[in-house]
């Protein structure tokens, strides 16, 4: 039985090592949607699915969520693994059937004594079989008394080198059954020897899977940082729209007898929701790959998301029990959008991300803005430009539940001189500027351009030259 089990495991390991896939894998997720694993490789086959390494880590995927052609590819190996597991279960059942606890030891007792039956072709093999069963029973008893330990916490060597933890044994009866030697004996297992096998595991070297996870994680963060640059570069110019509306008028401060005219114009600023949706979609995809946790929901009460102190939704997410396992420096990226088509429902989505992602986004985002009024004049190559500094952004920074948070809205925060700070989607303003009468006569058109962040800083430097 043991030899057959070994041959099957060897065959399965050969299959598992030889399987290499260098492509993307798309599988069903818990929500009924789909999830993509980039550059995946199958590293292990289980009785219910496969384990893969991919660009962003390691994942275990059930067989019923795999695409049909991939599920068929590994069907034989999965069936073989189920057969192997079945043999292991039979072995454990046999051990449980023949292993009888002689003495219920206290958690402080130095020894564990069990009575077991072992079988083998020779007396030596029967004794070895009995020792393995005895150690397995002792481990089970010890785990029951130690709530912090599990069977998996013990190294496999504790069963392979069972004679090292058994300090004594007594053969009670020797018989033969179907050509096999059957030994019934009592074995004494030393508790401290068991603990040595636990401590070895706790101080073991970093596994190859863990190393792969760390390297893949680091690579994923580097790719994510670069992707963030492209995202904000692609959409920053079109996120805020400006245009002149109505007609020009004489400003109330104009001195009509002077050669310099003061003219008033009305212009409109608008948040481009279509561009924001594109940004948000790409950010969702990127953050979903690097986040350590996420949360989505909806409410009609905006205050419940941010303005309830430690009882707010965002604070509870930042201080949840799972947050204790997050890496040091983990920050939160939040999205809160007002859905006016469904009775003003506020939909939120939170991502707990590594500090590197938060800092990169903070560097790329700035509320520095400038509104440029560009007047084209007849007969002049150089346009007449007026610069109007303002704070314009679609994000805010804050700290909720002692965790720094960067949150986005489907609207814009603006602070235009003479109008104060406000949150709007579309708003009109008035601007008064000075020009000569000749410039007024030559005026053909007016374009309103909005620059934010690094672009705004560059435009202002160009103006000051």
Protein backbone atom coordinates (compact mmCIF):
# COMPACT_ATOMS: atom_id res chain seq x y z
CA UNK A 1 0.00 0.00 0.00
CA UNK A 2 2.75 2.46 0.94
CA UNK A 3 4.82 1.61 -2.13
CA UNK A 4 1.81 2.11 -4.40
CA UNK A 5 1.09 5.45 -2.73
CA UNK A 6 4.71 6.52 -3.23
CA UNK A 7 4.60 5.63 -6.95
CA UNK A 8 1.41 7.66 -7.42
CA UNK A 9 2.85 10.68 -5.61
CA UNK A 10 6.00 10.46 -7.73
CA UNK A 11 3.94 10.34 -10.92
CA UNK A 12 1.85 13.30 -9.77
CA UNK A 13 4.95 15.36 -8.90
CA UNK A 14 6.36 14.69 -12.39
CA UNK A 15 3.12 15.89 -13.96
CA UNK A 16 3.06 18.99 -11.75
CA UNK A 17 6.63 20.04 -12.47
CA UNK A 18 6.32 19.59 -16.21
CA UNK A 19 3.28 21.79 -16.63
CA UNK A 20 4.32 25.30 -17.75
CA UNK A 21 1.97 27.90 -19.15
CA UNK A 22 3.10 31.41 -20.13
CA UNK A 23 -0.18 33.12 -20.88
CA UNK A 24 -3.08 34.86 -19.15
CA UNK A 25 -5.77 32.92 -17.33
CA UNK A 26 -9.35 34.22 -17.02
CA UNK A 27 -11.56 32.51 -14.41
CA UNK A 28 -14.92 33.09 -12.78
CA UNK A 29 -14.91 34.92 -9.43
CA UNK A 30 -17.23 34.89 -6.40
CA UNK A 31 -19.43 37.69 -7.78
CA UNK A 32 -20.22 35.91 -11.04
CA UNK A 33 -17.77 38.05 -12.96
CA UNK A 34 -14.32 37.22 -14.22
CA UNK A 35 -10.78 37.69 -12.94
CA UNK A 36 -7.58 37.70 -15.00
CA UNK A 37 -4.26 36.22 -13.87
CA UNK A 38 -1.41 37.48 -16.02
CA UNK A 39 1.55 35.29 -17.07
CA UNK A 40 0.37 32.32 -15.03
CA UNK A 41 2.17 29.00 -14.44
CA UNK A 42 0.65 25.90 -12.88
CA UNK A 43 2.81 24.87 -9.93
CA UNK A 44 0.66 22.23 -8.23
CA UNK A 45 -2.46 20.10 -8.82
CA UNK A 46 -4.94 19.35 -6.02
CA UNK A 47 -7.93 17.05 -5.81
CA UNK A 48 -10.27 20.01 -6.32
CA UNK A 49 -8.29 22.37 -8.56
CA UNK A 50 -4.88 23.84 -9.32
CA UNK A 51 -2.41 26.23 -7.73
CA UNK A 52 -0.77 28.85 -9.97
CA UNK A 53 1.86 31.54 -9.73
CA UNK A 54 1.14 34.71 -11.67
CA UNK A 55 2.45 38.21 -12.17
CA UNK A 56 1.06 39.39 -8.81
CA UNK A 57 1.47 36.34 -6.57
CA UNK A 58 0.12 32.82 -6.04
CA UNK A 59 -3.50 31.67 -6.22
CA UNK A 60 -5.45 28.44 -5.77
CA UNK A 61 -8.32 28.02 -8.23
CA UNK A 62 -11.13 25.42 -7.94
CA UNK A 63 -11.61 23.14 -10.94
CA UNK A 64 -15.20 24.32 -11.53
CA UNK A 65 -14.03 27.91 -12.13
CA UNK A 66 -11.46 27.08 -14.76
CA UNK A 67 -12.18 27.49 -18.48
CA UNK A 68 -13.42 24.22 -19.96
CA UNK A 69 -10.34 23.53 -22.09
CA UNK A 70 -7.98 24.02 -19.11
CA UNK A 71 -10.17 21.93 -16.78
CA UNK A 72 -9.99 19.06 -19.31
CA UNK A 73 -6.21 19.45 -19.54
CA UNK A 74 -5.77 18.71 -15.83
CA UNK A 75 -8.70 16.32 -15.37
CA UNK A 76 -6.49 13.21 -15.24
CA UNK A 77 -4.08 14.72 -12.73
CA UNK A 78 -6.95 15.91 -10.51
CA UNK A 79 -8.48 12.43 -10.61
CA UNK A 80 -5.10 10.92 -9.67
CA UNK A 81 -4.74 13.34 -6.76
CA UNK A 82 -8.21 12.39 -5.52
CA UNK A 83 -7.20 8.73 -5.62
CA UNK A 84 -4.01 9.50 -3.68
CA UNK A 85 -5.99 11.45 -1.09
CA UNK A 86 -8.41 8.56 -0.80
CA UNK A 87 -5.52 6.20 -0.02
CA UNK A 88 -4.23 8.66 2.58
CA UNK A 89 -7.70 8.82 4.15
CA UNK A 90 -7.84 5.02 4.34
CA UNK A 91 -4.44 5.00 6.02
CA UNK A 92 -5.61 7.56 8.59
CA UNK A 93 -8.82 5.59 9.18
CA UNK A 94 -6.83 2.41 9.74
CA UNK A 95 -4.55 4.25 12.15
CA UNK A 96 -7.50 5.64 14.05
CA UNK A 97 -9.14 2.20 14.17
CA UNK A 98 -6.09 0.48 15.61
CA UNK A 99 -4.74 3.29 17.76
CA UNK A 100 -6.18 3.21 21.28
CA UNK A 101 -5.29 5.82 23.87
CA UNK A 102 -4.15 4.01 26.99
CA UNK A 103 -3.72 7.03 29.22
CA UNK A 104 -5.19 10.48 28.91
CA UNK A 105 -2.19 12.64 29.67
CA UNK A 106 -2.48 16.17 31.04
CA UNK A 107 -1.05 19.08 29.05
CA UNK A 108 1.89 19.19 31.54
CA UNK A 109 2.75 15.49 31.35
CA UNK A 110 6.17 14.82 29.73
CA UNK A 111 4.99 11.66 27.96
CA UNK A 112 2.06 10.43 25.88
CA UNK A 113 1.34 6.68 25.96
CA UNK A 114 -0.72 5.00 23.22
CA UNK A 115 -1.58 1.45 22.22
CA UNK A 116 -1.43 0.68 18.50
CA UNK A 117 -1.32 -2.15 15.96
CA UNK A 118 1.23 -2.17 13.13
CA UNK A 119 1.49 -4.41 10.07
CA UNK A 120 4.31 -5.26 7.66
CA UNK A 121 5.99 -7.92 5.59
CA UNK A 122 8.56 -8.38 8.34
CA UNK A 123 8.60 -7.66 12.04
CA UNK A 124 10.84 -4.62 11.41
CA UNK A 125 8.32 -3.15 8.92
CA UNK A 126 5.44 -3.89 11.30
CA UNK A 127 7.31 -2.11 14.11
CA UNK A 128 8.00 0.89 11.85
CA UNK A 129 4.32 1.01 10.87
CA UNK A 130 3.27 0.88 14.52
CA UNK A 131 5.68 3.69 15.41
CA UNK A 132 4.26 5.96 12.71
CA UNK A 133 0.71 5.31 13.89
CA UNK A 134 1.75 5.94 17.50
CA UNK A 135 3.34 9.29 16.64
CA UNK A 136 0.31 10.31 14.58
CA UNK A 137 -1.97 9.51 17.53
CA UNK A 138 0.32 11.39 19.91
CA UNK A 139 0.33 14.44 17.64
CA UNK A 140 -3.47 14.35 17.53
CA UNK A 141 -3.66 14.20 21.33
CA UNK A 142 -1.15 17.02 21.71
CA UNK A 143 -2.98 19.28 19.25
CA UNK A 144 -6.21 18.81 21.22
CA UNK A 145 -4.55 20.17 24.37
CA UNK A 146 -2.75 23.03 22.55
CA UNK A 147 -5.28 25.29 20.82
CA UNK A 148 -2.53 27.32 19.12
CA UNK A 149 -1.26 24.28 17.16
CA UNK A 150 -2.65 22.32 14.20
CA UNK A 151 -1.63 19.01 12.63
CA UNK A 152 -0.05 20.96 9.78
CA UNK A 153 2.27 22.74 12.24
CA UNK A 154 4.27 19.52 12.62
CA UNK A 155 6.92 18.73 10.03
CA UNK A 156 6.50 15.51 8.05
CA UNK A 157 9.83 14.37 9.52
CA UNK A 158 8.10 13.70 12.82
CA UNK A 159 6.41 10.70 11.14
CA UNK A 160 9.36 9.65 8.99
CA UNK A 161 11.72 9.63 12.01
CA UNK A 162 9.14 8.34 14.42
CA UNK A 163 11.67 6.32 16.41
CA UNK A 164 13.37 9.60 17.41
CA UNK A 165 10.36 10.76 19.43
CA UNK A 166 9.40 7.36 20.87
CA UNK A 167 11.34 6.78 24.08
CA UNK A 168 10.07 3.29 24.73
CA UNK A 169 7.70 0.54 23.61
CA UNK A 170 6.37 -2.82 24.74
CA UNK A 171 5.16 -5.54 22.38
CA UNK A 172 1.94 -7.07 23.72
CA UNK A 173 1.19 -9.60 20.99
CA UNK A 174 2.65 -10.85 17.68
CA UNK A 175 0.46 -12.60 15.11
CA UNK A 176 0.25 -13.18 11.36
CA UNK A 177 -2.60 -12.09 9.10
CA UNK A 178 -2.77 -12.68 5.31
CA UNK A 179 0.99 -13.19 5.16
CA UNK A 180 1.73 -10.01 7.15
CA UNK A 181 3.29 -9.68 10.59
CA UNK A 182 0.90 -7.97 13.03
CA UNK A 183 2.32 -6.32 16.16
CA UNK A 184 0.20 -4.99 19.01
CA UNK A 185 2.22 -2.73 21.31
CA UNK A 186 2.26 0.24 23.64
CA UNK A 187 4.51 3.20 22.77
CA UNK A 188 5.66 6.14 24.86
CA UNK A 189 6.08 9.41 22.97
CA UNK A 190 8.08 12.21 24.60
CA UNK A 191 6.28 15.53 24.43
CA UNK A 192 9.47 17.62 24.27
CA UNK A 193 10.65 15.67 21.23
CA UNK A 194 7.40 16.59 19.46
CA UNK A 195 7.99 20.25 20.26
CA UNK A 196 11.35 20.11 18.52
CA UNK A 197 9.63 19.36 15.27
CA UNK A 198 7.31 22.35 15.75
CA UNK A 199 10.16 24.73 16.53
CA UNK A 200 12.01 23.58 13.41
CA UNK A 201 9.09 24.58 11.29
CA UNK A 202 8.71 27.95 13.00
CA UNK A 203 12.34 28.83 12.26
CA UNK A 204 12.43 27.22 8.79
CA UNK A 205 13.96 28.92 5.80
CA UNK A 206 11.78 31.02 3.50
CA UNK A 207 10.03 28.71 1.04
CA UNK A 208 10.37 29.04 -2.71
CA UNK A 209 6.68 29.98 -2.93
CA UNK A 210 7.14 32.77 -0.39
CA UNK A 211 10.20 34.04 -2.22
CA UNK A 212 8.28 34.01 -5.49
CA UNK A 213 5.44 35.91 -3.84
CA UNK A 214 7.78 38.61 -2.55
CA UNK A 215 9.52 39.07 -5.89
CA UNK A 216 6.25 39.05 -7.82
CA UNK A 217 4.77 41.53 -5.37
CA UNK A 218 7.71 43.90 -5.78
CA UNK A 219 7.54 43.62 -9.55
CA UNK A 220 3.79 44.27 -9.46
CA UNK A 221 4.28 47.45 -7.42
CA UNK A 222 6.88 48.75 -9.87
CA UNK A 223 4.54 48.07 -12.80
CA UNK A 224 1.66 49.72 -10.93
CA UNK A 225 3.67 52.87 -10.23
CA UNK A 226 4.51 53.22 -13.92
CA UNK A 227 0.91 52.58 -14.91
CA UNK A 228 -0.26 55.37 -12.59
CA UNK A 229 1.92 57.83 -14.50
CA UNK A 230 0.27 56.86 -17.78
CA UNK A 231 -3.24 57.00 -16.32
CA UNK A 232 -3.02 60.55 -15.02
CA UNK A 233 -1.01 61.75 -18.00
CA UNK A 234 -3.60 60.41 -20.46
CA UNK A 235 -6.62 62.04 -18.84
CA UNK A 236 -5.46 65.13 -16.94
CA UNK A 237 -5.98 67.50 -19.89
CA UNK A 238 -9.58 66.48 -20.55
CA UNK A 239 -10.87 66.01 -17.01
CA UNK A 240 -11.90 69.64 -16.48
CA UNK A 241 -13.66 71.57 -19.24
CA UNK A 242 -14.00 75.34 -19.61
CA UNK A 243 -15.83 77.56 -22.10
CA UNK A 244 -17.10 81.07 -22.50
CA UNK A 245 -20.87 81.49 -22.31
CA UNK A 246 -23.02 84.54 -23.09
CA UNK A 247 -21.62 87.80 -24.41
CA UNK A 248 -18.98 90.27 -23.21
CA UNK A 249 -20.11 93.27 -21.19
CA UNK A 250 -18.54 96.45 -19.88
CA UNK A 251 -17.29 95.93 -16.34
CA UNK A 252 -18.69 98.19 -13.62
CA UNK A 253 -15.09 99.21 -12.81
CA UNK A 254 -14.31 100.37 -16.35
CA UNK A 255 -13.20 103.98 -16.75
CA UNK A 256 -14.77 104.75 -20.11
CA UNK A 257 -12.55 107.77 -20.71
CA UNK A 258 -9.36 105.69 -20.40
CA UNK A 259 -7.53 103.98 -23.28
CA UNK A 260 -7.64 100.72 -21.35
CA UNK A 261 -10.97 98.92 -21.30
CA UNK A 262 -12.18 96.60 -18.57
CA UNK A 263 -14.40 93.87 -19.90
CA UNK A 264 -16.43 91.26 -18.05
CA UNK A 265 -17.11 87.79 -19.40
CA UNK A 266 -18.97 84.76 -18.07
CA UNK A 267 -17.36 81.36 -18.32
CA UNK A 268 -18.33 77.88 -17.22
CA UNK A 269 -16.31 75.10 -15.61
CA UNK A 270 -17.49 71.50 -15.93
CA UNK A 271 -16.25 68.19 -14.58
CA UNK A 272 -15.92 65.71 -17.44
CA UNK A 273 -17.65 62.62 -16.06
CA UNK A 274 -16.89 60.53 -19.14
CA UNK A 275 -13.15 61.05 -18.67
CA UNK A 276 -13.49 60.41 -14.95
CA UNK A 277 -15.18 57.07 -15.63
CA UNK A 278 -12.23 56.09 -17.83
CA UNK A 279 -9.76 57.05 -15.10
CA UNK A 280 -11.79 55.22 -12.48
CA UNK A 281 -12.05 52.05 -14.55
CA UNK A 282 -8.29 51.90 -15.04
CA UNK A 283 -7.65 52.68 -11.37
CA UNK A 284 -10.09 49.95 -10.29
CA UNK A 285 -8.24 47.44 -12.43
CA UNK A 286 -4.81 48.51 -11.18
CA UNK A 287 -5.66 48.84 -7.49
CA UNK A 288 -7.49 45.51 -7.52
CA UNK A 289 -4.19 43.81 -8.35
CA UNK A 290 -2.11 45.39 -5.57
CA UNK A 291 -4.66 45.94 -2.78
CA UNK A 292 -4.47 43.84 0.37
CA UNK A 293 -8.18 44.39 1.10
CA UNK A 294 -11.22 46.06 -0.44
CA UNK A 295 -14.80 46.96 0.40
CA UNK A 296 -17.78 48.15 -1.66
CA UNK A 297 -21.23 49.38 -0.71
CA UNK A 298 -23.89 52.06 -1.10
CA UNK A 299 -25.84 54.42 1.17
CA UNK A 300 -28.15 57.41 0.96
CA UNK A 301 -26.39 59.11 3.87
CA UNK A 302 -23.12 60.69 2.73
CA UNK A 303 -22.19 61.64 6.31
CA UNK A 304 -22.17 57.97 7.33
CA UNK A 305 -19.24 57.36 4.99
CA UNK A 306 -16.85 60.03 6.29
CA UNK A 307 -18.39 62.23 8.99
CA UNK A 308 -19.24 59.88 11.86
CA UNK A 309 -15.83 59.71 13.48
CA UNK A 310 -14.77 56.20 14.45
CA UNK A 311 -18.25 54.95 13.52
CA UNK A 312 -18.01 56.08 9.89
CA UNK A 313 -17.82 53.44 7.17
CA UNK A 314 -14.31 54.42 6.11
CA UNK A 315 -13.00 54.45 9.72
CA UNK A 316 -14.43 50.98 10.38
CA UNK A 317 -12.73 49.67 7.25
CA UNK A 318 -9.41 51.25 8.24
CA UNK A 319 -9.64 49.78 11.76
CA UNK A 320 -11.15 46.37 10.96
CA UNK A 321 -9.72 43.26 12.61
CA UNK A 322 -8.03 42.22 9.38
CA UNK A 323 -6.11 45.52 9.30
CA UNK A 324 -3.84 44.17 12.06
CA UNK A 325 -2.33 41.82 9.48
CA UNK A 326 -1.75 44.54 6.87
CA UNK A 327 1.82 45.62 6.22
CA UNK A 328 3.16 48.66 8.05
CA UNK A 329 2.36 51.87 6.17
CA UNK A 330 -0.74 50.54 4.41
CA UNK A 331 -2.95 53.42 3.25
CA UNK A 332 -6.45 53.64 1.76
CA UNK A 333 -7.68 54.78 -1.64
CA UNK A 334 -11.43 55.51 -1.64
CA UNK A 335 -13.99 56.31 -4.34
CA UNK A 336 -17.33 57.87 -3.46
CA UNK A 337 -19.71 58.65 -6.34
CA UNK A 338 -23.16 60.20 -6.23
CA UNK A 339 -25.70 58.33 -8.37
CA UNK A 340 -28.41 60.93 -9.03
CA UNK A 341 -30.32 58.67 -11.40
CA UNK A 342 -31.28 56.37 -8.53
CA UNK A 343 -32.44 58.91 -6.00
CA UNK A 344 -28.99 60.22 -5.02
CA UNK A 345 -27.35 57.05 -3.78
CA UNK A 346 -23.71 57.31 -2.78
CA UNK A 347 -21.68 54.32 -3.93
CA UNK A 348 -18.32 53.74 -2.28
CA UNK A 349 -15.33 51.52 -2.93
CA UNK A 350 -12.27 51.27 -0.67
CA UNK A 351 -8.85 49.76 -1.38
CA UNK A 352 -6.16 49.16 1.26
CA UNK A 353 -2.92 49.56 -0.70
CA UNK A 354 0.82 49.49 0.03
CA UNK A 355 2.39 52.79 1.01
CA UNK A 356 4.32 52.94 -2.29
CA UNK A 357 1.08 53.19 -4.30
CA UNK A 358 -0.40 55.86 -2.03
CA UNK A 359 2.75 57.99 -2.15
CA UNK A 360 3.02 57.66 -5.94
CA UNK A 361 -0.58 58.83 -6.40
CA UNK A 362 -0.02 61.70 -3.98
CA UNK A 363 2.99 62.88 -5.98
CA UNK A 364 1.09 62.70 -9.26
CA UNK A 365 -1.97 64.53 -7.92
CA UNK A 366 -2.05 68.21 -6.97
CA UNK A 367 -4.85 70.70 -6.40
CA UNK A 368 -2.77 73.46 -8.00
CA UNK A 369 -4.69 74.79 -10.98
CA UNK A 370 -4.76 77.65 -13.43
CA UNK A 371 -7.47 78.86 -15.81
CA UNK A 372 -6.06 80.35 -18.99
CA UNK A 373 -8.16 82.72 -21.10
CA UNK A 374 -6.68 82.63 -24.60
CA UNK A 375 -7.86 85.47 -26.90
CA UNK A 376 -7.06 85.20 -30.62
CA UNK A 377 -6.51 88.61 -32.21
CA UNK A 378 -6.73 89.50 -35.92
CA UNK A 379 -3.34 90.40 -37.40
CA UNK A 380 -1.45 89.11 -34.35
CA UNK A 381 0.43 85.81 -34.20
CA UNK A 382 0.80 85.98 -30.47
CA UNK A 383 -2.52 85.59 -28.60
CA UNK A 384 -3.55 87.68 -25.63
CA UNK A 385 -3.55 85.47 -22.53
CA UNK A 386 -4.87 86.05 -19.04
CA UNK A 387 -3.95 83.62 -16.24
CA UNK A 388 -6.32 82.97 -13.35
CA UNK A 389 -4.79 80.74 -10.58
CA UNK A 390 -7.31 78.53 -8.78
CA UNK A 391 -7.53 75.32 -6.79
CA UNK A 392 -9.16 72.60 -8.91
CA UNK A 393 -9.15 68.88 -8.12
CA UNK A 394 -11.32 65.77 -8.05
CA UNK A 395 -9.79 64.27 -4.90
CA UNK A 396 -9.25 65.01 -1.24
CA UNK A 397 -6.85 63.79 1.43
CA UNK A 398 -7.78 62.92 4.96
CA UNK A 399 -7.14 60.60 7.90
CA UNK A 400 -9.84 58.21 9.06
CA UNK A 401 -9.35 55.59 11.73
CA UNK A 402 -5.68 56.66 12.11
CA UNK A 403 -4.99 55.73 8.49
CA UNK A 404 -4.20 58.20 5.71
CA UNK A 405 -6.81 58.12 2.96
CA UNK A 406 -6.97 59.54 -0.55
CA UNK A 407 -10.53 59.72 -1.85
CA UNK A 408 -12.07 60.61 -5.18
CA UNK A 409 -15.50 62.01 -6.14
CA UNK A 410 -17.38 62.16 -9.43
CA UNK A 411 -17.26 65.94 -9.19
CA UNK A 412 -14.67 68.66 -8.68
CA UNK A 413 -13.50 70.67 -5.70
CA UNK A 414 -12.81 74.23 -6.75
CA UNK A 415 -11.61 77.37 -5.02
CA UNK A 416 -11.88 80.25 -7.49
CA UNK A 417 -10.93 83.72 -6.18
CA UNK A 418 -13.98 85.81 -5.24
CA UNK A 419 -16.20 82.70 -5.13
CA UNK A 420 -14.74 80.55 -2.34
CA UNK A 421 -14.43 76.79 -2.03
CA UNK A 422 -17.20 74.52 -3.29
CA UNK A 423 -17.93 71.05 -4.67
CA UNK A 424 -19.65 71.16 -8.07
CA UNK A 425 -20.12 69.26 -11.31
CA UNK A 426 -20.82 72.36 -13.41
CA UNK A 427 -20.67 76.01 -12.36
CA UNK A 428 -20.51 79.42 -14.07
CA UNK A 429 -18.26 82.30 -12.98
CA UNK A 430 -17.46 85.84 -14.08
CA UNK A 431 -14.05 87.21 -14.91
CA UNK A 432 -12.99 90.82 -15.48
CA UNK A 433 -9.87 91.52 -17.54
CA UNK A 434 -8.16 94.55 -19.05
CA UNK A 435 -7.19 95.16 -22.67
CA UNK A 436 -6.62 98.10 -25.02
CA UNK A 437 -9.28 99.28 -27.42
CA UNK A 438 -7.14 98.06 -30.32
CA UNK A 439 -7.01 94.59 -28.82
CA UNK A 440 -10.75 94.71 -28.28
CA UNK A 441 -11.29 95.57 -31.94
CA UNK A 442 -9.01 92.74 -33.11
CA UNK A 443 -10.54 90.10 -30.81
CA UNK A 444 -11.77 87.06 -32.84
CA UNK A 445 -12.30 84.26 -30.34
CA UNK A 446 -11.73 83.23 -26.75
CA UNK A 447 -10.72 79.76 -25.54
CA UNK A 448 -10.87 78.75 -21.86
CA UNK A 449 -8.29 76.11 -20.92
CA UNK A 450 -7.84 74.49 -17.50
CA UNK A 451 -4.56 73.04 -16.30
CA UNK A 452 -4.01 71.17 -13.03
CA UNK A 453 -1.20 69.48 -11.15
CA UNK A 454 2.21 69.34 -12.81
CA UNK A 455 0.84 70.89 -16.02
CA UNK A 456 -0.46 73.90 -14.08
CA UNK A 457 2.94 74.38 -12.44
CA UNK A 458 4.60 74.26 -15.85
CA UNK A 459 2.16 76.81 -17.36
CA UNK A 460 2.70 79.23 -14.48
CA UNK A 461 6.49 78.96 -14.88
CA UNK A 462 6.15 79.75 -18.58
CA UNK A 463 4.03 82.79 -17.76
CA UNK A 464 6.64 84.13 -15.34
CA UNK A 465 9.47 83.98 -17.87
